[in-house]
mmCIF file of all heavy atoms, coordinates in Angstrom:
data_MODEL
# 
_entry.id   MODEL 
# 
loop_
_atom_site.group_PDB 
_atom_site.id 
_atom_site.type_symbol 
_atom_site.label_atom_id 
_atom_site.label_alt_id 
_atom_site.label_comp_id 
_atom_site.label_asym_id 
_atom_site.label_entity_id 
_atom_site.label_seq_id 
_atom_site.pdbx_PDB_ins_code 
_atom_site.Cartn_x 
_atom_site.Cartn_y 
_atom_site.Cartn_z 
_atom_site.occupancy 
_atom_site.B_iso_or_equiv 
_atom_site.pdbx_formal_charge 
_atom_site.auth_seq_id 
_atom_site.auth_comp_id 
_atom_site.auth_asym_id 
_atom_site.auth_atom_id 
_atom_site.pdbx_PDB_model_num 
ATOM 1   N N   . VAL A 1 1  ? 41.545 82.149 89.379  1.00 0.00 ? 1  VAL A N   1 
ATOM 2   C CA  . VAL A 1 1  ? 41.086 82.322 90.762  1.00 0.00 ? 1  VAL A CA  1 
ATOM 3   C C   . VAL A 1 1  ? 42.277 82.404 91.723  1.00 0.00 ? 1  VAL A C   1 
ATOM 4   O O   . VAL A 1 1  ? 42.208 83.066 92.760  1.00 0.00 ? 1  VAL A O   1 
ATOM 5   C CB  . VAL A 1 1  ? 40.140 81.165 91.150  1.00 0.00 ? 1  VAL A CB  1 
ATOM 6   C CG1 . VAL A 1 1  ? 39.859 81.166 92.641  1.00 0.00 ? 1  VAL A CG1 1 
ATOM 7   C CG2 . VAL A 1 1  ? 38.828 81.278 90.380  1.00 0.00 ? 1  VAL A CG2 1 
ATOM 8   N N   . PHE A 1 2  ? 43.390 81.758 91.363  1.00 0.00 ? 2  PHE A N   1 
ATOM 9   C CA  . PHE A 1 2  ? 44.568 81.742 92.245  1.00 0.00 ? 2  PHE A CA  1 
ATOM 10  C C   . PHE A 1 2  ? 45.565 82.844 91.928  1.00 0.00 ? 2  PHE A C   1 
ATOM 11  O O   . PHE A 1 2  ? 46.604 82.946 92.590  1.00 0.00 ? 2  PHE A O   1 
ATOM 12  C CB  . PHE A 1 2  ? 45.256 80.376 92.156  1.00 0.00 ? 2  PHE A CB  1 
ATOM 13  C CG  . PHE A 1 2  ? 44.532 79.278 92.891  1.00 0.00 ? 2  PHE A CG  1 
ATOM 14  C CD1 . PHE A 1 2  ? 43.555 78.528 92.258  1.00 0.00 ? 2  PHE A CD1 1 
ATOM 15  C CD2 . PHE A 1 2  ? 44.815 79.009 94.219  1.00 0.00 ? 2  PHE A CD2 1 
ATOM 16  C CE1 . PHE A 1 2  ? 42.879 77.521 92.926  1.00 0.00 ? 2  PHE A CE1 1 
ATOM 17  C CE2 . PHE A 1 2  ? 44.138 78.002 94.900  1.00 0.00 ? 2  PHE A CE2 1 
ATOM 18  C CZ  . PHE A 1 2  ? 43.168 77.255 94.248  1.00 0.00 ? 2  PHE A CZ  1 
ATOM 19  N N   . LYS A 1 3  ? 45.301 83.659 90.922  1.00 0.00 ? 3  LYS A N   1 
ATOM 20  C CA  . LYS A 1 3  ? 46.257 84.700 90.550  1.00 0.00 ? 3  LYS A CA  1 
ATOM 21  C C   . LYS A 1 3  ? 46.523 85.695 91.688  1.00 0.00 ? 3  LYS A C   1 
ATOM 22  O O   . LYS A 1 3  ? 47.680 86.104 91.889  1.00 0.00 ? 3  LYS A O   1 
ATOM 23  C CB  . LYS A 1 3  ? 45.788 85.419 89.293  1.00 0.00 ? 3  LYS A CB  1 
ATOM 24  C CG  . LYS A 1 3  ? 46.010 84.619 88.013  1.00 0.00 ? 3  LYS A CG  1 
ATOM 25  C CD  . LYS A 1 3  ? 45.578 85.387 86.796  1.00 0.00 ? 3  LYS A CD  1 
ATOM 26  C CE  . LYS A 1 3  ? 46.526 86.508 86.452  1.00 0.00 ? 3  LYS A CE  1 
ATOM 27  N NZ  . LYS A 1 3  ? 47.734 86.033 85.752  1.00 0.00 ? 3  LYS A NZ  1 
ATOM 28  N N   . PRO A 1 4  ? 45.522 86.142 92.465  1.00 0.00 ? 4  PRO A N   1 
ATOM 29  C CA  . PRO A 1 4  ? 45.844 87.033 93.592  1.00 0.00 ? 4  PRO A CA  1 
ATOM 30  C C   . PRO A 1 4  ? 46.795 86.393 94.597  1.00 0.00 ? 4  PRO A C   1 
ATOM 31  O O   . PRO A 1 4  ? 47.677 87.070 95.148  1.00 0.00 ? 4  PRO A O   1 
ATOM 32  C CB  . PRO A 1 4  ? 44.471 87.328 94.213  1.00 0.00 ? 4  PRO A CB  1 
ATOM 33  C CG  . PRO A 1 4  ? 43.507 87.136 93.089  1.00 0.00 ? 4  PRO A CG  1 
ATOM 34  C CD  . PRO A 1 4  ? 44.052 86.000 92.291  1.00 0.00 ? 4  PRO A CD  1 
ATOM 35  N N   . PHE A 1 5  ? 46.627 85.090 94.837  1.00 0.00 ? 5  PHE A N   1 
ATOM 36  C CA  . PHE A 1 5  ? 47.554 84.401 95.745  1.00 0.00 ? 5  PHE A CA  1 
ATOM 37  C C   . PHE A 1 5  ? 48.968 84.385 95.169  1.00 0.00 ? 5  PHE A C   1 
ATOM 38  O O   . PHE A 1 5  ? 49.943 84.682 95.874  1.00 0.00 ? 5  PHE A O   1 
ATOM 39  C CB  . PHE A 1 5  ? 47.076 82.974 96.007  1.00 0.00 ? 5  PHE A CB  1 
ATOM 40  C CG  . PHE A 1 5  ? 48.152 82.085 96.581  1.00 0.00 ? 5  PHE A CG  1 
ATOM 41  C CD1 . PHE A 1 5  ? 48.604 82.272 97.872  1.00 0.00 ? 5  PHE A CD1 1 
ATOM 42  C CD2 . PHE A 1 5  ? 48.748 81.103 95.799  1.00 0.00 ? 5  PHE A CD2 1 
ATOM 43  C CE1 . PHE A 1 5  ? 49.625 81.482 98.391  1.00 0.00 ? 5  PHE A CE1 1 
ATOM 44  C CE2 . PHE A 1 5  ? 49.761 80.307 96.311  1.00 0.00 ? 5  PHE A CE2 1 
ATOM 45  C CZ  . PHE A 1 5  ? 50.202 80.498 97.612  1.00 0.00 ? 5  PHE A CZ  1 
ATOM 46  N N   . LEU A 1 6  ? 49.101 84.043 93.893  1.00 0.00 ? 6  LEU A N   1 
ATOM 47  C CA  . LEU A 1 6  ? 50.424 84.004 93.269  1.00 0.00 ? 6  LEU A CA  1 
ATOM 48  C C   . LEU A 1 6  ? 51.068 85.391 93.257  1.00 0.00 ? 6  LEU A C   1 
ATOM 49  O O   . LEU A 1 6  ? 52.286 85.522 93.422  1.00 0.00 ? 6  LEU A O   1 
ATOM 50  C CB  . LEU A 1 6  ? 50.320 83.442 91.857  1.00 0.00 ? 6  LEU A CB  1 
ATOM 51  C CG  . LEU A 1 6  ? 49.887 81.971 91.762  1.00 0.00 ? 6  LEU A CG  1 
ATOM 52  C CD1 . LEU A 1 6  ? 49.719 81.552 90.307  1.00 0.00 ? 6  LEU A CD1 1 
ATOM 53  C CD2 . LEU A 1 6  ? 50.885 81.052 92.469  1.00 0.00 ? 6  LEU A CD2 1 
ATOM 54  N N   . GLN A 1 7  ? 50.242 86.437 93.087  1.00 0.00 ? 7  GLN A N   1 
ATOM 55  C CA  . GLN A 1 7  ? 50.776 87.792 93.147  1.00 0.00 ? 7  GLN A CA  1 
ATOM 56  C C   . GLN A 1 7  ? 51.239 88.128 94.564  1.00 0.00 ? 7  GLN A C   1 
ATOM 57  O O   . GLN A 1 7  ? 52.263 88.794 94.758  1.00 0.00 ? 7  GLN A O   1 
ATOM 58  C CB  . GLN A 1 7  ? 49.729 88.797 92.690  1.00 0.00 ? 7  GLN A CB  1 
ATOM 59  C CG  . GLN A 1 7  ? 50.214 90.240 92.643  1.00 0.00 ? 7  GLN A CG  1 
ATOM 60  C CD  . GLN A 1 7  ? 51.397 90.420 91.707  1.00 0.00 ? 7  GLN A CD  1 
ATOM 61  O OE1 . GLN A 1 7  ? 51.314 90.078 90.529  1.00 0.00 ? 7  GLN A OE1 1 
ATOM 62  N NE2 . GLN A 1 7  ? 52.503 90.962 92.219  1.00 0.00 ? 7  GLN A NE2 1 
ATOM 63  N N   . ALA A 1 8  ? 50.508 87.649 95.572  1.00 0.00 ? 8  ALA A N   1 
ATOM 64  C CA  . ALA A 1 8  ? 50.909 87.863 96.963  1.00 0.00 ? 8  ALA A CA  1 
ATOM 65  C C   . ALA A 1 8  ? 52.247 87.174 97.245  1.00 0.00 ? 8  ALA A C   1 
ATOM 66  O O   . ALA A 1 8  ? 53.097 87.704 97.975  1.00 0.00 ? 8  ALA A O   1 
ATOM 67  C CB  . ALA A 1 8  ? 49.834 87.352 97.918  1.00 0.00 ? 8  ALA A CB  1 
ATOM 68  N N   . VAL A 1 9  ? 52.447 85.985 96.658  1.00 0.00 ? 9  VAL A N   1 
ATOM 69  C CA  . VAL A 1 9  ? 53.724 85.284 96.805  1.00 0.00 ? 9  VAL A CA  1 
ATOM 70  C C   . VAL A 1 9  ? 54.845 86.105 96.169  1.00 0.00 ? 9  VAL A C   1 
ATOM 71  O O   . VAL A 1 9  ? 55.925 86.277 96.755  1.00 0.00 ? 9  VAL A O   1 
ATOM 72  C CB  . VAL A 1 9  ? 53.639 83.884 96.157  1.00 0.00 ? 9  VAL A CB  1 
ATOM 73  C CG1 . VAL A 1 9  ? 55.030 83.247 96.071  1.00 0.00 ? 9  VAL A CG1 1 
ATOM 74  C CG2 . VAL A 1 9  ? 52.709 82.984 96.956  1.00 0.00 ? 9  VAL A CG2 1 
ATOM 75  N N   . ALA A 1 10 ? 54.595 86.631 94.963  1.00 0.00 ? 10 ALA A N   1 
ATOM 76  C CA  . ALA A 1 10 ? 55.606 87.450 94.294  1.00 0.00 ? 10 ALA A CA  1 
ATOM 77  C C   . ALA A 1 10 ? 55.959 88.679 95.123  1.00 0.00 ? 10 ALA A C   1 
ATOM 78  O O   . ALA A 1 10 ? 57.146 89.028 95.262  1.00 0.00 ? 10 ALA A O   1 
ATOM 79  C CB  . ALA A 1 10 ? 55.091 87.867 92.906  1.00 0.00 ? 10 ALA A CB  1 
ATOM 80  N N   . ASP A 1 11 ? 54.951 89.338 95.694  1.00 0.00 ? 11 ASP A N   1 
ATOM 81  C CA  . ASP A 1 11 ? 55.206 90.524 96.514  1.00 0.00 ? 11 ASP A CA  1 
ATOM 82  C C   . ASP A 1 11 ? 56.041 90.170 97.743  1.00 0.00 ? 11 ASP A C   1 
ATOM 83  O O   . ASP A 1 11 ? 56.953 90.922 98.134  1.00 0.00 ? 11 ASP A O   1 
ATOM 84  C CB  . ASP A 1 11 ? 53.877 91.155 96.943  1.00 0.00 ? 11 ASP A CB  1 
ATOM 85  C CG  . ASP A 1 11 ? 53.096 91.722 95.769  1.00 0.00 ? 11 ASP A CG  1 
ATOM 86  O OD1 . ASP A 1 11 ? 53.703 91.947 94.702  1.00 0.00 ? 11 ASP A OD1 1 
ATOM 87  O OD2 . ASP A 1 11 ? 51.877 91.933 95.911  1.00 0.00 ? 11 ASP A OD2 1 
ATOM 88  N N   . GLU A 1 12 ? 55.730 89.035 98.368  1.00 0.00 ? 12 GLU A N   1 
ATOM 89  C CA  . GLU A 1 12 ? 56.465 88.608 99.554  1.00 0.00 ? 12 GLU A CA  1 
ATOM 90  C C   . GLU A 1 12 ? 57.927 88.308 99.213  1.00 0.00 ? 12 GLU A C   1 
ATOM 91  O O   . GLU A 1 12 ? 58.848 88.655 99.965  1.00 0.00 ? 12 GLU A O   1 
ATOM 92  C CB  . GLU A 1 12 ? 55.788 87.368 100.150 1.00 0.00 ? 12 GLU A CB  1 
ATOM 93  C CG  . GLU A 1 12 ? 56.302 86.951 101.503 1.00 0.00 ? 12 GLU A CG  1 
ATOM 94  C CD  . GLU A 1 12 ? 55.845 87.865 102.625 1.00 0.00 ? 12 GLU A CD  1 
ATOM 95  O OE1 . GLU A 1 12 ? 55.016 88.773 102.373 1.00 0.00 ? 12 GLU A OE1 1 
ATOM 96  O OE2 . GLU A 1 12 ? 56.317 87.675 103.760 1.00 0.00 ? 12 GLU A OE2 1 
ATOM 97  N N   . CYS A 1 13 ? 58.133 87.676 98.062  1.00 0.00 ? 13 CYS A N   1 
ATOM 98  C CA  . CYS A 1 13 ? 59.502 87.333 97.646  1.00 0.00 ? 13 CYS A CA  1 
ATOM 99  C C   . CYS A 1 13 ? 60.316 88.593 97.370  1.00 0.00 ? 13 CYS A C   1 
ATOM 100 O O   . CYS A 1 13 ? 61.500 88.673 97.722  1.00 0.00 ? 13 CYS A O   1 
ATOM 101 C CB  . CYS A 1 13 ? 59.464 86.441 96.412  1.00 0.00 ? 13 CYS A CB  1 
ATOM 102 S SG  . CYS A 1 13 ? 58.800 84.783 96.713  1.00 0.00 ? 13 CYS A SG  1 
ATOM 103 N N   . ARG A 1 14 ? 59.722 89.566 96.723  1.00 0.00 ? 14 ARG A N   1 
ATOM 104 C CA  . ARG A 1 14 ? 60.438 90.816 96.446  1.00 0.00 ? 14 ARG A CA  1 
ATOM 105 C C   . ARG A 1 14 ? 60.776 91.551 97.738  1.00 0.00 ? 14 ARG A C   1 
ATOM 106 O O   . ARG A 1 14 ? 61.826 92.180 97.849  1.00 0.00 ? 14 ARG A O   1 
ATOM 107 C CB  . ARG A 1 14 ? 59.594 91.706 95.539  1.00 0.00 ? 14 ARG A CB  1 
ATOM 108 C CG  . ARG A 1 14 ? 59.553 91.243 94.096  1.00 0.00 ? 14 ARG A CG  1 
ATOM 109 C CD  . ARG A 1 14 ? 59.058 92.341 93.167  1.00 0.00 ? 14 ARG A CD  1 
ATOM 110 N NE  . ARG A 1 14 ? 59.016 91.852 91.798  1.00 0.00 ? 14 ARG A NE  1 
ATOM 111 C CZ  . ARG A 1 14 ? 57.971 91.245 91.252  1.00 0.00 ? 14 ARG A CZ  1 
ATOM 112 N NH1 . ARG A 1 14 ? 56.882 91.083 91.963  1.00 0.00 ? 14 ARG A NH1 1 
ATOM 113 N NH2 . ARG A 1 14 ? 58.014 90.813 90.013  1.00 0.00 ? 14 ARG A NH2 1 
ATOM 114 N N   . HIS A 1 15 ? 59.869 91.470 98.687  1.00 0.00 ? 15 HIS A N   1 
ATOM 115 C CA  . HIS A 1 15 ? 60.072 92.183 99.950  1.00 0.00 ? 15 HIS A CA  1 
ATOM 116 C C   . HIS A 1 15 ? 61.172 91.539 100.795 1.00 0.00 ? 15 HIS A C   1 
ATOM 117 O O   . HIS A 1 15 ? 61.988 92.236 101.408 1.00 0.00 ? 15 HIS A O   1 
ATOM 118 C CB  . HIS A 1 15 ? 58.755 92.215 100.725 1.00 0.00 ? 15 HIS A CB  1 
ATOM 119 C CG  . HIS A 1 15 ? 58.850 92.849 102.071 1.00 0.00 ? 15 HIS A CG  1 
ATOM 120 N ND1 . HIS A 1 15 ? 59.157 94.183 102.251 1.00 0.00 ? 15 HIS A ND1 1 
ATOM 121 C CD2 . HIS A 1 15 ? 58.700 92.330 103.322 1.00 0.00 ? 15 HIS A CD2 1 
ATOM 122 C CE1 . HIS A 1 15 ? 59.173 94.467 103.541 1.00 0.00 ? 15 HIS A CE1 1 
ATOM 123 N NE2 . HIS A 1 15 ? 58.907 93.353 104.214 1.00 0.00 ? 15 HIS A NE2 1 
ATOM 124 N N   . ARG A 1 16 ? 61.218 90.204 100.804 1.00 0.00 ? 16 ARG A N   1 
ATOM 125 C CA  . ARG A 1 16 ? 62.119 89.499 101.721 1.00 0.00 ? 16 ARG A CA  1 
ATOM 126 C C   . ARG A 1 16 ? 63.382 88.950 101.062 1.00 0.00 ? 16 ARG A C   1 
ATOM 127 O O   . ARG A 1 16 ? 64.290 88.495 101.765 1.00 0.00 ? 16 ARG A O   1 
ATOM 128 C CB  . ARG A 1 16 ? 61.362 88.362 102.422 1.00 0.00 ? 16 ARG A CB  1 
ATOM 129 C CG  . ARG A 1 16 ? 60.217 88.871 103.292 1.00 0.00 ? 16 ARG A CG  1 
ATOM 130 C CD  . ARG A 1 16 ? 59.587 87.769 104.101 1.00 0.00 ? 16 ARG A CD  1 
ATOM 131 N NE  . ARG A 1 16 ? 58.494 88.259 104.927 1.00 0.00 ? 16 ARG A NE  1 
ATOM 132 C CZ  . ARG A 1 16 ? 58.651 88.770 106.132 1.00 0.00 ? 16 ARG A CZ  1 
ATOM 133 N NH1 . ARG A 1 16 ? 59.866 88.880 106.654 1.00 0.00 ? 16 ARG A NH1 1 
ATOM 134 N NH2 . ARG A 1 16 ? 57.611 89.183 106.819 1.00 0.00 ? 16 ARG A NH2 1 
ATOM 135 N N   . GLY A 1 17 ? 63.427 88.929 99.729  1.00 0.00 ? 17 GLY A N   1 
ATOM 136 C CA  . GLY A 1 17 ? 64.669 88.576 99.062  1.00 0.00 ? 17 GLY A CA  1 
ATOM 137 C C   . GLY A 1 17 ? 64.811 87.115 98.666  1.00 0.00 ? 17 GLY A C   1 
ATOM 138 O O   . GLY A 1 17 ? 63.877 86.319 98.776  1.00 0.00 ? 17 GLY A O   1 
ATOM 139 N N   . PRO A 1 18 ? 66.017 86.738 98.214  1.00 0.00 ? 18 PRO A N   1 
ATOM 140 C CA  . PRO A 1 18 ? 66.250 85.410 97.638  1.00 0.00 ? 18 PRO A CA  1 
ATOM 141 C C   . PRO A 1 18 ? 65.940 84.246 98.580  1.00 0.00 ? 18 PRO A C   1 
ATOM 142 O O   . PRO A 1 18 ? 65.448 83.202 98.151  1.00 0.00 ? 18 PRO A O   1 
ATOM 143 C CB  . PRO A 1 18 ? 67.745 85.441 97.279  1.00 0.00 ? 18 PRO A CB  1 
ATOM 144 C CG  . PRO A 1 18 ? 68.076 86.892 97.130  1.00 0.00 ? 18 PRO A CG  1 
ATOM 145 C CD  . PRO A 1 18 ? 67.206 87.602 98.115  1.00 0.00 ? 18 PRO A CD  1 
ATOM 146 N N   . GLU A 1 19 ? 66.237 84.397 99.861  1.00 0.00 ? 19 GLU A N   1 
ATOM 147 C CA  . GLU A 1 19 ? 66.007 83.289 100.797 1.00 0.00 ? 19 GLU A CA  1 
ATOM 148 C C   . GLU A 1 19 ? 64.522 82.944 100.883 1.00 0.00 ? 19 GLU A C   1 
ATOM 149 O O   . GLU A 1 19 ? 64.140 81.768 100.863 1.00 0.00 ? 19 GLU A O   1 
ATOM 150 C CB  . GLU A 1 19 ? 66.554 83.663 102.177 1.00 0.00 ? 19 GLU A CB  1 
ATOM 151 C CG  . GLU A 1 19 ? 66.449 82.521 103.183 1.00 0.00 ? 19 GLU A CG  1 
ATOM 152 C CD  . GLU A 1 19 ? 67.068 82.883 104.521 1.00 0.00 ? 19 GLU A CD  1 
ATOM 153 O OE1 . GLU A 1 19 ? 67.894 83.816 104.562 1.00 0.00 ? 19 GLU A OE1 1 
ATOM 154 O OE2 . GLU A 1 19 ? 66.725 82.218 105.516 1.00 0.00 ? 19 GLU A OE2 1 
ATOM 155 N N   . GLU A 1 20 ? 63.682 83.971 100.962 1.00 0.00 ? 20 GLU A N   1 
ATOM 156 C CA  . GLU A 1 20 ? 62.240 83.724 101.018 1.00 0.00 ? 20 GLU A CA  1 
ATOM 157 C C   . GLU A 1 20 ? 61.732 83.210 99.682  1.00 0.00 ? 20 GLU A C   1 
ATOM 158 O O   . GLU A 1 20 ? 60.822 82.366 99.640  1.00 0.00 ? 20 GLU A O   1 
ATOM 159 C CB  . GLU A 1 20 ? 61.498 85.015 101.405 1.00 0.00 ? 20 GLU A CB  1 
ATOM 160 C CG  . GLU A 1 20 ? 60.006 84.839 101.629 1.00 0.00 ? 20 GLU A CG  1 
ATOM 161 C CD  . GLU A 1 20 ? 59.681 84.049 102.885 1.00 0.00 ? 20 GLU A CD  1 
ATOM 162 O OE1 . GLU A 1 20 ? 60.627 83.603 103.589 1.00 0.00 ? 20 GLU A OE1 1 
ATOM 163 O OE2 . GLU A 1 20 ? 58.499 83.868 103.182 1.00 0.00 ? 20 GLU A OE2 1 
ATOM 164 N N   . THR A 1 21 ? 62.303 83.675 98.577  1.00 0.00 ? 21 THR A N   1 
ATOM 165 C CA  . THR A 1 21 ? 61.907 83.182 97.260  1.00 0.00 ? 21 THR A CA  1 
ATOM 166 C C   . THR A 1 21 ? 62.178 81.692 97.147  1.00 0.00 ? 21 THR A C   1 
ATOM 167 O O   . THR A 1 21 ? 61.353 80.924 96.629  1.00 0.00 ? 21 THR A O   1 
ATOM 168 C CB  . THR A 1 21 ? 62.675 83.937 96.152  1.00 0.00 ? 21 THR A CB  1 
ATOM 169 O OG1 . THR A 1 21 ? 62.437 85.331 96.278  1.00 0.00 ? 21 THR A OG1 1 
ATOM 170 C CG2 . THR A 1 21 ? 62.213 83.482 94.777  1.00 0.00 ? 21 THR A CG2 1 
ATOM 171 N N   . GLU A 1 22 ? 63.341 81.279 97.657  1.00 0.00 ? 22 GLU A N   1 
ATOM 172 C CA  . GLU A 1 22 ? 63.679 79.852 97.610  1.00 0.00 ? 22 GLU A CA  1 
ATOM 173 C C   . GLU A 1 22 ? 62.717 79.029 98.466  1.00 0.00 ? 22 GLU A C   1 
ATOM 174 O O   . GLU A 1 22 ? 62.316 77.924 98.089  1.00 0.00 ? 22 GLU A O   1 
ATOM 175 C CB  . GLU A 1 22 ? 65.123 79.661 98.100  1.00 0.00 ? 22 GLU A CB  1 
ATOM 176 C CG  . GLU A 1 22 ? 65.634 78.240 97.999  1.00 0.00 ? 22 GLU A CG  1 
ATOM 177 C CD  . GLU A 1 22 ? 65.754 77.744 96.564  1.00 0.00 ? 22 GLU A CD  1 
ATOM 178 O OE1 . GLU A 1 22 ? 65.817 78.585 95.645  1.00 0.00 ? 22 GLU A OE1 1 
ATOM 179 O OE2 . GLU A 1 22 ? 65.766 76.517 96.362  1.00 0.00 ? 22 GLU A OE2 1 
ATOM 180 N N   . ARG A 1 23 ? 62.352 79.570 99.628  1.00 0.00 ? 23 ARG A N   1 
ATOM 181 C CA  . ARG A 1 23 ? 61.449 78.825 100.514 1.00 0.00 ? 23 ARG A CA  1 
ATOM 182 C C   . ARG A 1 23 ? 60.052 78.701 99.921  1.00 0.00 ? 23 ARG A C   1 
ATOM 183 O O   . ARG A 1 23 ? 59.433 77.630 99.963  1.00 0.00 ? 23 ARG A O   1 
ATOM 184 C CB  . ARG A 1 23 ? 61.366 79.524 101.885 1.00 0.00 ? 23 ARG A CB  1 
ATOM 185 C CG  . ARG A 1 23 ? 60.593 78.735 102.938 1.00 0.00 ? 23 ARG A CG  1 
ATOM 186 C CD  . ARG A 1 23 ? 60.469 79.517 104.233 1.00 0.00 ? 23 ARG A CD  1 
ATOM 187 N NE  . ARG A 1 23 ? 59.496 80.600 104.135 1.00 0.00 ? 23 ARG A NE  1 
ATOM 188 C CZ  . ARG A 1 23 ? 58.174 80.435 104.304 1.00 0.00 ? 23 ARG A CZ  1 
ATOM 189 N NH1 . ARG A 1 23 ? 57.673 79.239 104.583 1.00 0.00 ? 23 ARG A NH1 1 
ATOM 190 N NH2 . ARG A 1 23 ? 57.364 81.467 104.215 1.00 0.00 ? 23 ARG A NH2 1 
ATOM 191 N N   . LEU A 1 24 ? 59.542 79.794 99.374  1.00 0.00 ? 24 LEU A N   1 
ATOM 192 C CA  . LEU A 1 24 ? 58.164 79.788 98.863  1.00 0.00 ? 24 LEU A CA  1 
ATOM 193 C C   . LEU A 1 24 ? 58.042 79.131 97.496  1.00 0.00 ? 24 LEU A C   1 
ATOM 194 O O   . LEU A 1 24 ? 57.004 78.539 97.179  1.00 0.00 ? 24 LEU A O   1 
ATOM 195 C CB  . LEU A 1 24 ? 57.622 81.219 98.784  1.00 0.00 ? 24 LEU A CB  1 
ATOM 196 C CG  . LEU A 1 24 ? 57.340 81.920 100.114 1.00 0.00 ? 24 LEU A CG  1 
ATOM 197 C CD1 . LEU A 1 24 ? 56.891 83.356 99.868  1.00 0.00 ? 24 LEU A CD1 1 
ATOM 198 C CD2 . LEU A 1 24 ? 56.275 81.170 100.906 1.00 0.00 ? 24 LEU A CD2 1 
# 
């Protein structure tokens, strides 16, 4: 049920880079 959310997190991290990946 949470897989779409986790995919949204992955998309956001790829878009914004390492700093956002570390934060999320």
